[in-house]
Amino acid sequence: MLLRDHFRAPLSEFTSWEGLHGGWPMVIVQHLGQELPAGYVAEPRVHLGAQIEVDVATFDREGPREGPLGPERTGGATAVWAPAEPTLAIETELADFDQYEVRVYDVRRGRRLVAAVEIISPANKDRAENRQQFTAKCAALLRQSVSLVLVDLVTVRDVNLYHELLQLIGERDPAMGDQRPATYAAACRWRQRVTSRWLEVWNHPLTLGQPLPCLPLWLNDDLAIPLDLEASHEKTCRDLRIA
């Protein structure tokens, strides 16, 4: 199945992009299970950031309060130490972002994380702080020698997070020019070359109506397996009955 626009009509009128993003990681894991050598395992991870909110400690009940030594008492009891008032108290939220990803571990080395596939959601490309948090996470993975694949099918946010990741580490991709595609797939790894470290990238712009690419997923410096995005995307769409 060639790449469709899951975020706009007519497709968005009878199916949701959340269904595709939620189901795709497990299908990728199933495909990787046929390629991974012994000693490696792949797992899906799906976390919906700000879409699910839990309000904690909205009300403060009247009555005795628990201190570190039990309920506060009056009379001759030793007073519990009270800190000074905070120097800053503001109503805010800590950014939490969607995660649709697959992680690959080397179980022979204490389940060391060796590769990650990040399927980008609209929330990852939404606000500047969300983009910064996402690209910082990606940069941290690369610094830990974790190979990284970014897959971006989001057509409703004209932002290229691969470009912003390169900006974060002070680099640019000359092949992109000024017209940066909103949809793309890029495999990245940071590896040692003699006395220096190099960032290597396999970047593919994605076009509606065209197949998705097969990218290298690096398990170590000398071993890569094929990540067939088209095959896993097609199976996910079939299972979800996406025309």
C-alpha atoms as a PDB file:
ATOM      1  CA  MET A   1       0.000   0.000   0.000  1.00  0.00           C
ATOM      2  CA  LEU A   2       1.515   3.319  -1.072  1.00  0.00           C
ATOM      3  CA  LEU A   3       1.761   6.208   1.374  1.00  0.00           C
ATOM      4  CA  ARG A   4      -1.591   7.878   2.096  1.00  0.00           C
ATOM      5  CA  ASP A   5      -2.408  11.112   3.922  1.00  0.00           C
ATOM      6  CA  HIS A   6      -3.785   9.786   7.211  1.00  0.00           C
ATOM      7  CA  PHE A   7      -4.332  13.302   8.587  1.00  0.00           C
ATOM      8  CA  ARG A   8      -6.680  14.802   6.001  1.00  0.00           C
ATOM      9  CA  ALA A   9      -9.924  13.944   4.250  1.00  0.00           C
ATOM     10  CA  PRO A  10     -11.030  11.679   2.738  1.00  0.00           C
ATOM     11  CA  LEU A  11      -8.970   9.121   4.715  1.00  0.00           C
ATOM     12  CA  SER A  12      -9.299  10.931   8.057  1.00  0.00           C
ATOM     13  CA  GLU A  13     -13.112  10.834   7.782  1.00  0.00           C
ATOM     14  CA  PHE A  14     -13.349   7.093   8.428  1.00  0.00           C
ATOM     15  CA  THR A  15     -10.053   6.176  10.120  1.00  0.00           C
ATOM     16  CA  SER A  16      -7.729   7.884  12.587  1.00  0.00           C
ATOM     17  CA  TRP A  17      -4.010   8.442  12.413  1.00  0.00           C
ATOM     18  CA  GLU A  18      -3.840   7.372  16.097  1.00  0.00           C
ATOM     19  CA  GLY A  19      -4.896   3.869  15.049  1.00  0.00           C
ATOM     20  CA  LEU A  20      -2.037   3.629  12.577  1.00  0.00           C
ATOM     21  CA  HIS A  21       0.537   5.099  14.966  1.00  0.00           C
ATOM     22  CA  GLY A  22      -0.647   2.898  17.814  1.00  0.00           C
ATOM     23  CA  GLY A  23      -0.598  -0.333  15.816  1.00  0.00           C
ATOM     24  CA  TRP A  24       2.473   0.205  13.642  1.00  0.00           C
ATOM     25  CA  PRO A  25       5.147  -0.297  16.360  1.00  0.00           C
ATOM     26  CA  MET A  26       3.977  -3.857  17.107  1.00  0.00           C
ATOM     27  CA  VAL A  27       3.946  -4.757  13.417  1.00  0.00           C
ATOM     28  CA  ILE A  28       7.502  -3.386  13.094  1.00  0.00           C
ATOM     29  CA  VAL A  29       8.508  -5.579  16.042  1.00  0.00           C
ATOM     30  CA  GLN A  30       7.006  -8.609  14.306  1.00  0.00           C
ATOM     31  CA  HIS A  31       8.941  -7.856  11.128  1.00  0.00           C
ATOM     32  CA  LEU A  32      12.184  -7.250  13.029  1.00  0.00           C
ATOM     33  CA  GLY A  33      11.726 -10.593  14.773  1.00  0.00           C
ATOM     34  CA  GLN A  34      12.429 -12.238  11.407  1.00  0.00           C
ATOM     35  CA  GLU A  35      15.651 -10.246  10.937  1.00  0.00           C
ATOM     36  CA  LEU A  36      17.207  -9.860  14.384  1.00  0.00           C
ATOM     37  CA  PRO A  37      20.078 -12.257  15.158  1.00  0.00           C
ATOM     38  CA  ALA A  38      20.184 -14.232  18.385  1.00  0.00           C
ATOM     39  CA  GLY A  39      20.792 -12.081  21.435  1.00  0.00           C
ATOM     40  CA  TYR A  40      18.677  -9.130  20.288  1.00  0.00           C
ATOM     41  CA  VAL A  41      15.043  -8.370  21.122  1.00  0.00           C
ATOM     42  CA  ALA A  42      12.673  -5.636  19.931  1.00  0.00           C
ATOM     43  CA  GLU A  43       9.813  -4.131  21.941  1.00  0.00           C
ATOM     44  CA  PRO A  44       7.061  -1.608  21.103  1.00  0.00           C
ATOM     45  CA  ARG A  45       6.429   1.463  23.249  1.00  0.00           C
ATOM     46  CA  VAL A  46       3.411   3.742  23.031  1.00  0.00           C
ATOM     47  CA  HIS A  47       2.922   6.668  25.400  1.00  0.00           C
ATOM     48  CA  LEU A  48       0.312   9.360  24.873  1.00  0.00           C
ATOM     49  CA  GLY A  49       1.657  12.527  26.449  1.00  0.00           C
ATOM     50  CA  ALA A  50      -0.658  15.413  27.238  1.00  0.00           C
ATOM     51  CA  GLN A  51      -3.694  13.679  25.756  1.00  0.00           C
ATOM     52  CA  ILE A  52      -4.178  11.816  29.044  1.00  0.00           C
ATOM     53  CA  GLU A  53      -4.056  14.058  32.087  1.00  0.00           C
ATOM     54  CA  VAL A  54      -4.419  13.150  35.749  1.00  0.00           C
ATOM     55  CA  ASP A  55      -5.237  15.891  38.209  1.00  0.00           C
ATOM     56  CA  VAL A  56      -3.530  15.141  41.531  1.00  0.00           C
ATOM     57  CA  ALA A  57      -3.993  16.828  44.917  1.00  0.00           C
ATOM     58  CA  THR A  58      -6.580  19.355  43.821  1.00  0.00           C
ATOM     59  CA  PHE A  59      -8.167  19.494  47.276  1.00  0.00           C
ATOM     60  CA  ASP A  60      -6.611  19.694  50.704  1.00  0.00           C
ATOM     61  CA  ARG A  61      -8.793  18.015  53.273  1.00  0.00           C
ATOM     62  CA  GLU A  62      -9.292  19.670  56.632  1.00  0.00           C
ATOM     63  CA  GLY A  63      -7.965  17.894  59.670  1.00  0.00           C
ATOM     64  CA  PRO A  64      -4.673  16.492  60.958  1.00  0.00           C
ATOM     65  CA  ARG A  65      -1.884  16.350  58.383  1.00  0.00           C
ATOM     66  CA  GLU A  66       0.662  13.629  58.111  1.00  0.00           C
ATOM     67  CA  GLY A  67       4.209  14.731  58.692  1.00  0.00           C
ATOM     68  CA  PRO A  68       7.381  12.679  58.221  1.00  0.00           C
ATOM     69  CA  LEU A  69       6.942  11.282  61.757  1.00  0.00           C
ATOM     70  CA  GLY A  70       3.169  10.737  61.624  1.00  0.00           C
ATOM     71  CA  PRO A  71       0.209  13.048  62.375  1.00  0.00           C
ATOM     72  CA  GLU A  72       1.059  16.501  63.716  1.00  0.00           C
ATOM     73  CA  ARG A  73       0.384  16.832  67.413  1.00  0.00           C
ATOM     74  CA  THR A  74      -0.045  19.758  69.753  1.00  0.00           C
ATOM     75  CA  GLY A  75       1.291  20.162  73.254  1.00  0.00           C
ATOM     76  CA  GLY A  76       4.743  18.908  74.133  1.00  0.00           C
ATOM     77  CA  ALA A  77       5.456  17.129  70.861  1.00  0.00           C
ATOM     78  CA  THR A  78       8.584  18.150  68.986  1.00  0.00           C
ATOM     79  CA  ALA A  79       7.739  20.511  66.154  1.00  0.00           C
ATOM     80  CA  VAL A  80       8.338  19.213  62.648  1.00  0.00           C
ATOM     81  CA  TRP A  81      10.880  21.261  60.705  1.00  0.00           C
ATOM     82  CA  ALA A  82       9.227  23.560  58.158  1.00  0.00           C
ATOM     83  CA  PRO A  83      11.165  24.858  55.135  1.00  0.00           C
ATOM     84  CA  ALA A  84      11.076  28.473  54.033  1.00  0.00           C
ATOM     85  CA  GLU A  85       8.544  29.647  51.467  1.00  0.00           C
ATOM     86  CA  PRO A  86       9.529  28.832  47.861  1.00  0.00           C
ATOM     87  CA  THR A  87      11.258  31.561  45.895  1.00  0.00           C
ATOM     88  CA  LEU A  88       9.079  30.752  42.872  1.00  0.00           C
ATOM     89  CA  ALA A  89       5.585  29.263  42.652  1.00  0.00           C
ATOM     90  CA  ILE A  90       3.828  29.338  39.295  1.00  0.00           C
ATOM     91  CA  GLU A  91       1.015  27.311  37.758  1.00  0.00           C
ATOM     92  CA  THR A  92       2.479  25.453  34.802  1.00  0.00           C
ATOM     93  CA  GLU A  93       2.901  22.048  33.179  1.00  0.00           C
ATOM     94  CA  LEU A  94       6.006  20.015  32.429  1.00  0.00           C
ATOM     95  CA  ALA A  95       6.011  19.112  28.766  1.00  0.00           C
ATOM     96  CA  ASP A  96       5.064  15.521  28.030  1.00  0.00           C
ATOM     97  CA  PHE A  97       5.067  14.259  24.475  1.00  0.00           C
ATOM     98  CA  ASP A  98       3.657  11.368  22.513  1.00  0.00           C
ATOM     99  CA  GLN A  99       5.879   8.368  21.981  1.00  0.00           C
ATOM    100  CA  TYR A 100       5.266   5.805  19.266  1.00  0.00           C
ATOM    101  CA  GLU A 101       8.461   3.838  19.068  1.00  0.00           C
ATOM    102  CA  VAL A 102      10.259   0.533  18.795  1.00  0.00           C
ATOM    103  CA  ARG A 103      13.358  -0.198  20.869  1.00  0.00           C
ATOM    104  CA  VAL A 104      15.942  -2.892  20.195  1.00  0.00           C
ATOM    105  CA  TYR A 105      18.084  -4.320  23.014  1.00  0.00           C
ATOM    106  CA  ASP A 106      21.206  -6.467  23.137  1.00  0.00           C
ATOM    107  CA  VAL A 107      20.290  -8.964  25.857  1.00  0.00           C
ATOM    108  CA  ARG A 108      23.835 -10.341  25.996  1.00  0.00           C
ATOM    109  CA  ARG A 109      25.020  -6.995  27.353  1.00  0.00           C
ATOM    110  CA  GLY A 110      22.470  -6.475  30.094  1.00  0.00           C
ATOM    111  CA  ARG A 111      19.659  -5.406  27.747  1.00  0.00           C
ATOM    112  CA  ARG A 112      21.720  -2.537  26.384  1.00  0.00           C
ATOM    113  CA  LEU A 113      19.651  -0.280  24.136  1.00  0.00           C
ATOM    114  CA  VAL A 114      21.191  -0.364  20.651  1.00  0.00           C
ATOM    115  CA  ALA A 115      18.505   1.008  18.297  1.00  0.00           C
ATOM    116  CA  ALA A 116      15.277   3.010  18.361  1.00  0.00           C
ATOM    117  CA  VAL A 117      12.581   3.708  15.770  1.00  0.00           C
ATOM    118  CA  GLU A 118      10.660   6.922  16.473  1.00  0.00           C
ATOM    119  CA  ILE A 119       7.301   7.396  14.701  1.00  0.00           C
ATOM    120  CA  ILE A 120       6.656  11.135  14.928  1.00  0.00           C
ATOM    121  CA  SER A 121       3.206  12.397  15.958  1.00  0.00           C
ATOM    122  CA  PRO A 122       1.582  15.819  15.420  1.00  0.00           C
ATOM    123  CA  ALA A 123       2.222  16.686  19.082  1.00  0.00           C
ATOM    124  CA  ASN A 124       5.978  16.145  18.592  1.00  0.00           C
ATOM    125  CA  LYS A 125       5.924  18.842  15.876  1.00  0.00           C
ATOM    126  CA  ASP A 126       3.444  21.167  17.566  1.00  0.00           C
ATOM    127  CA  ARG A 127       5.003  23.717  19.911  1.00  0.00           C
ATOM    128  CA  ALA A 128       8.638  24.815  20.063  1.00  0.00           C
ATOM    129  CA  GLU A 129       9.141  23.253  23.507  1.00  0.00           C
ATOM    130  CA  ASN A 130       7.775  19.909  22.268  1.00  0.00           C
ATOM    131  CA  ARG A 131      10.147  19.954  19.306  1.00  0.00           C
ATOM    132  CA  GLN A 132      13.092  20.862  21.531  1.00  0.00           C
ATOM    133  CA  GLN A 133      12.306  18.074  23.971  1.00  0.00           C
ATOM    134  CA  PHE A 134      11.933  15.524  21.192  1.00  0.00           C
ATOM    135  CA  THR A 135      15.151  16.482  19.396  1.00  0.00           C
ATOM    136  CA  ALA A 136      17.059  16.596  22.706  1.00  0.00           C
ATOM    137  CA  LYS A 137      15.915  13.032  23.384  1.00  0.00           C
ATOM    138  CA  CYS A 138      17.082  11.962  19.916  1.00  0.00           C
ATOM    139  CA  ALA A 139      20.468  13.649  20.369  1.00  0.00           C
ATOM    140  CA  ALA A 140      20.906  11.917  23.737  1.00  0.00           C
ATOM    141  CA  LEU A 141      20.238   8.531  22.125  1.00  0.00           C
ATOM    142  CA  LEU A 142      22.827   9.188  19.419  1.00  0.00           C
ATOM    143  CA  ARG A 143      25.405  10.250  22.031  1.00  0.00           C
ATOM    144  CA  GLN A 144      24.868   6.876  23.709  1.00  0.00           C
ATOM    145  CA  SER A 145      25.682   5.161  20.376  1.00  0.00           C
ATOM    146  CA  VAL A 146      22.049   4.160  19.868  1.00  0.00           C
ATOM    147  CA  SER A 147      21.172   4.058  16.175  1.00  0.00           C
ATOM    148  CA  LEU A 148      18.031   6.063  15.444  1.00  0.00           C
ATOM    149  CA  VAL A 149      15.339   6.009  12.781  1.00  0.00           C
ATOM    150  CA  LEU A 150      12.872   8.906  12.462  1.00  0.00           C
ATOM    151  CA  VAL A 151       9.639   8.254  10.553  1.00  0.00           C
ATOM    152  CA  ASP A 152       7.440  11.290   9.931  1.00  0.00           C
ATOM    153  CA  LEU A 153       4.122  10.886   8.097  1.00  0.00           C
ATOM    154  CA  VAL A 154       2.565  14.027   9.617  1.00  0.00           C
ATOM    155  CA  THR A 155       1.273  16.239   6.801  1.00  0.00           C
ATOM    156  CA  VAL A 156      -0.502  18.816   8.989  1.00  0.00           C
ATOM    157  CA  ARG A 157       2.637  20.278  10.607  1.00  0.00           C
ATOM    158  CA  ASP A 158       5.113  21.849   8.190  1.00  0.00           C
ATOM    159  CA  VAL A 159       8.167  21.144  10.354  1.00  0.00           C
ATOM    160  CA  ASN A 160      11.116  18.854   9.723  1.00  0.00           C
ATOM    161  CA  LEU A 161      12.431  17.428  13.019  1.00  0.00           C
ATOM    162  CA  TYR A 162      15.399  15.792  11.295  1.00  0.00           C
ATOM    163  CA  HIS A 163      16.521  19.283  10.252  1.00  0.00           C
ATOM    164  CA  GLU A 164      15.949  20.591  13.789  1.00  0.00           C
ATOM    165  CA  LEU A 165      17.952  17.677  15.227  1.00  0.00           C
ATOM    166  CA  LEU A 166      20.875  18.629  13.008  1.00  0.00           C
ATOM    167  CA  GLN A 167      20.501  22.255  14.087  1.00  0.00           C
ATOM    168  CA  LEU A 168      20.632  21.185  17.727  1.00  0.00           C
ATOM    169  CA  ILE A 169      24.030  19.555  17.223  1.00  0.00           C
ATOM    170  CA  GLY A 170      25.293  22.416  15.039  1.00  0.00           C
ATOM    171  CA  GLU A 171      25.094  20.694  11.649  1.00  0.00           C
ATOM    172  CA  ARG A 172      23.014  20.782   8.462  1.00  0.00           C
ATOM    173  CA  ASP A 173      22.207  18.485   5.552  1.00  0.00           C
ATOM    174  CA  PRO A 174      23.287  20.205   2.288  1.00  0.00           C
ATOM    175  CA  ALA A 175      21.077  17.850   0.259  1.00  0.00           C
ATOM    176  CA  MET A 176      17.911  19.296   1.814  1.00  0.00           C
ATOM    177  CA  GLY A 177      18.274  22.876   0.650  1.00  0.00           C
ATOM    178  CA  ASP A 178      15.696  25.439   1.766  1.00  0.00           C
ATOM    179  CA  GLN A 179      12.663  23.283   0.914  1.00  0.00           C
ATOM    180  CA  ARG A 180      12.523  20.841   3.808  1.00  0.00           C
ATOM    181  CA  PRO A 181       9.872  18.143   3.355  1.00  0.00           C
ATOM    182  CA  ALA A 182       7.292  17.744   6.108  1.00  0.00           C
ATOM    183  CA  THR A 183       7.288  13.954   5.631  1.00  0.00           C
ATOM    184  CA  TYR A 184      10.480  11.903   5.593  1.00  0.00           C
ATOM    185  CA  ALA A 185      12.279   8.900   7.049  1.00  0.00           C
ATOM    186  CA  ALA A 186      15.874   9.119   8.238  1.00  0.00           C
ATOM    187  CA  ALA A 187      18.247   6.571   9.745  1.00  0.00           C
ATOM    188  CA  CYS A 188      21.060   8.045  11.841  1.00  0.00           C
ATOM    189  CA  ARG A 189      24.028   6.723  13.743  1.00  0.00           C
ATOM    190  CA  TRP A 190      27.036   8.306  15.454  1.00  0.00           C
ATOM    191  CA  ARG A 191      30.090   6.111  15.079  1.00  0.00           C
ATOM    192  CA  GLN A 192      33.825   6.128  15.623  1.00  0.00           C
ATOM    193  CA  ARG A 193      36.088   6.549  12.613  1.00  0.00           C
ATOM    194  CA  VAL A 194      39.749   6.135  13.595  1.00  0.00           C
ATOM    195  CA  THR A 195      40.298   9.141  15.901  1.00  0.00           C
ATOM    196  CA  SER A 196      37.021  11.032  15.402  1.00  0.00           C
ATOM    197  CA  ARG A 197      33.277  10.416  15.546  1.00  0.00           C
ATOM    198  CA  TRP A 198      31.000  10.871  12.548  1.00  0.00           C
ATOM    199  CA  LEU A 199      27.254  11.249  12.179  1.00  0.00           C
ATOM    200  CA  GLU A 200      26.025   9.070   9.300  1.00  0.00           C
ATOM    201  CA  VAL A 201      22.505   9.572   7.906  1.00  0.00           C
ATOM    202  CA  TRP A 202      20.299   7.839   5.349  1.00  0.00           C
ATOM    203  CA  ASN A 203      17.608  10.449   4.666  1.00  0.00           C
ATOM    204  CA  HIS A 204      14.595   9.827   2.412  1.00  0.00           C
ATOM    205  CA  PRO A 205      11.866  12.429   1.724  1.00  0.00           C
ATOM    206  CA  LEU A 206       8.441  10.755   1.648  1.00  0.00           C
ATOM    207  CA  THR A 207       5.905  11.457  -1.087  1.00  0.00           C
ATOM    208  CA  LEU A 208       2.205  10.656  -1.031  1.00  0.00           C
ATOM    209  CA  GLY A 209       1.399   7.875  -3.470  1.00  0.00           C
ATOM    210  CA  GLN A 210       4.929   6.453  -3.304  1.00  0.00           C
ATOM    211  CA  PRO A 211       6.239   3.489  -1.283  1.00  0.00           C
ATOM    212  CA  LEU A 212       8.110   3.954   1.973  1.00  0.00           C
ATOM    213  CA  PRO A 213      11.836   3.134   1.957  1.00  0.00           C
ATOM    214  CA  CYS A 214      13.818   0.290   3.487  1.00  0.00           C
ATOM    215  CA  LEU A 215      16.368   1.775   5.907  1.00  0.00           C
ATOM    216  CA  PRO A 216      19.344   0.293   7.741  1.00  0.00           C
ATOM    217  CA  LEU A 217      18.813  -0.334  11.458  1.00  0.00           C
ATOM    218  CA  TRP A 218      22.274  -0.566  12.990  1.00  0.00           C
ATOM    219  CA  LEU A 219      22.769  -2.976  15.894  1.00  0.00           C
ATOM    220  CA  ASN A 220      26.492  -2.253  16.199  1.00  0.00           C
ATOM    221  CA  ASP A 221      29.232  -0.624  14.127  1.00  0.00           C
ATOM    222  CA  ASP A 222      29.423  -3.545  11.717  1.00  0.00           C
ATOM    223  CA  LEU A 223      25.928  -5.048  11.758  1.00  0.00           C
ATOM    224  CA  ALA A 224      22.738  -3.612  10.250  1.00  0.00           C
ATOM    225  CA  ILE A 225      19.402  -5.245   9.467  1.00  0.00           C
ATOM    226  CA  PRO A 226      16.767  -3.990   6.997  1.00  0.00           C
ATOM    227  CA  LEU A 227      13.900  -1.939   8.406  1.00  0.00           C
ATOM    228  CA  ASP A 228      11.256  -2.368   5.705  1.00  0.00           C
ATOM    229  CA  LEU A 229       8.893   0.507   6.442  1.00  0.00           C
ATOM    230  CA  GLU A 230       6.703  -0.186   3.422  1.00  0.00           C
ATOM    231  CA  ALA A 231       6.024  -3.802   4.407  1.00  0.00           C
ATOM    232  CA  SER A 232       5.165  -2.994   8.025  1.00  0.00           C
ATOM    233  CA  HIS A 233       3.108   0.061   7.043  1.00  0.00           C
ATOM    234  CA  GLU A 234       1.149  -1.993   4.489  1.00  0.00           C
ATOM    235  CA  LYS A 235       0.376  -4.763   6.982  1.00  0.00           C
ATOM    236  CA  THR A 236      -0.738  -2.261   9.622  1.00  0.00           C
ATOM    237  CA  CYS A 237      -3.098  -0.599   7.138  1.00  0.00           C
ATOM    238  CA  ARG A 238      -4.489  -3.974   6.056  1.00  0.00           C
ATOM    239  CA  ASP A 239      -5.101  -5.060   9.651  1.00  0.00           C
ATOM    240  CA  LEU A 240      -6.887  -1.767  10.351  1.00  0.00           C
ATOM    241  CA  ARG A 241      -8.865  -2.047   7.098  1.00  0.00           C
ATOM    242  CA  ILE A 242      -7.480   1.228   5.835  1.00  0.00           C
ATOM    243  CA  ALA A 243      -8.250   1.378   2.130  1.00  0.00           C
END
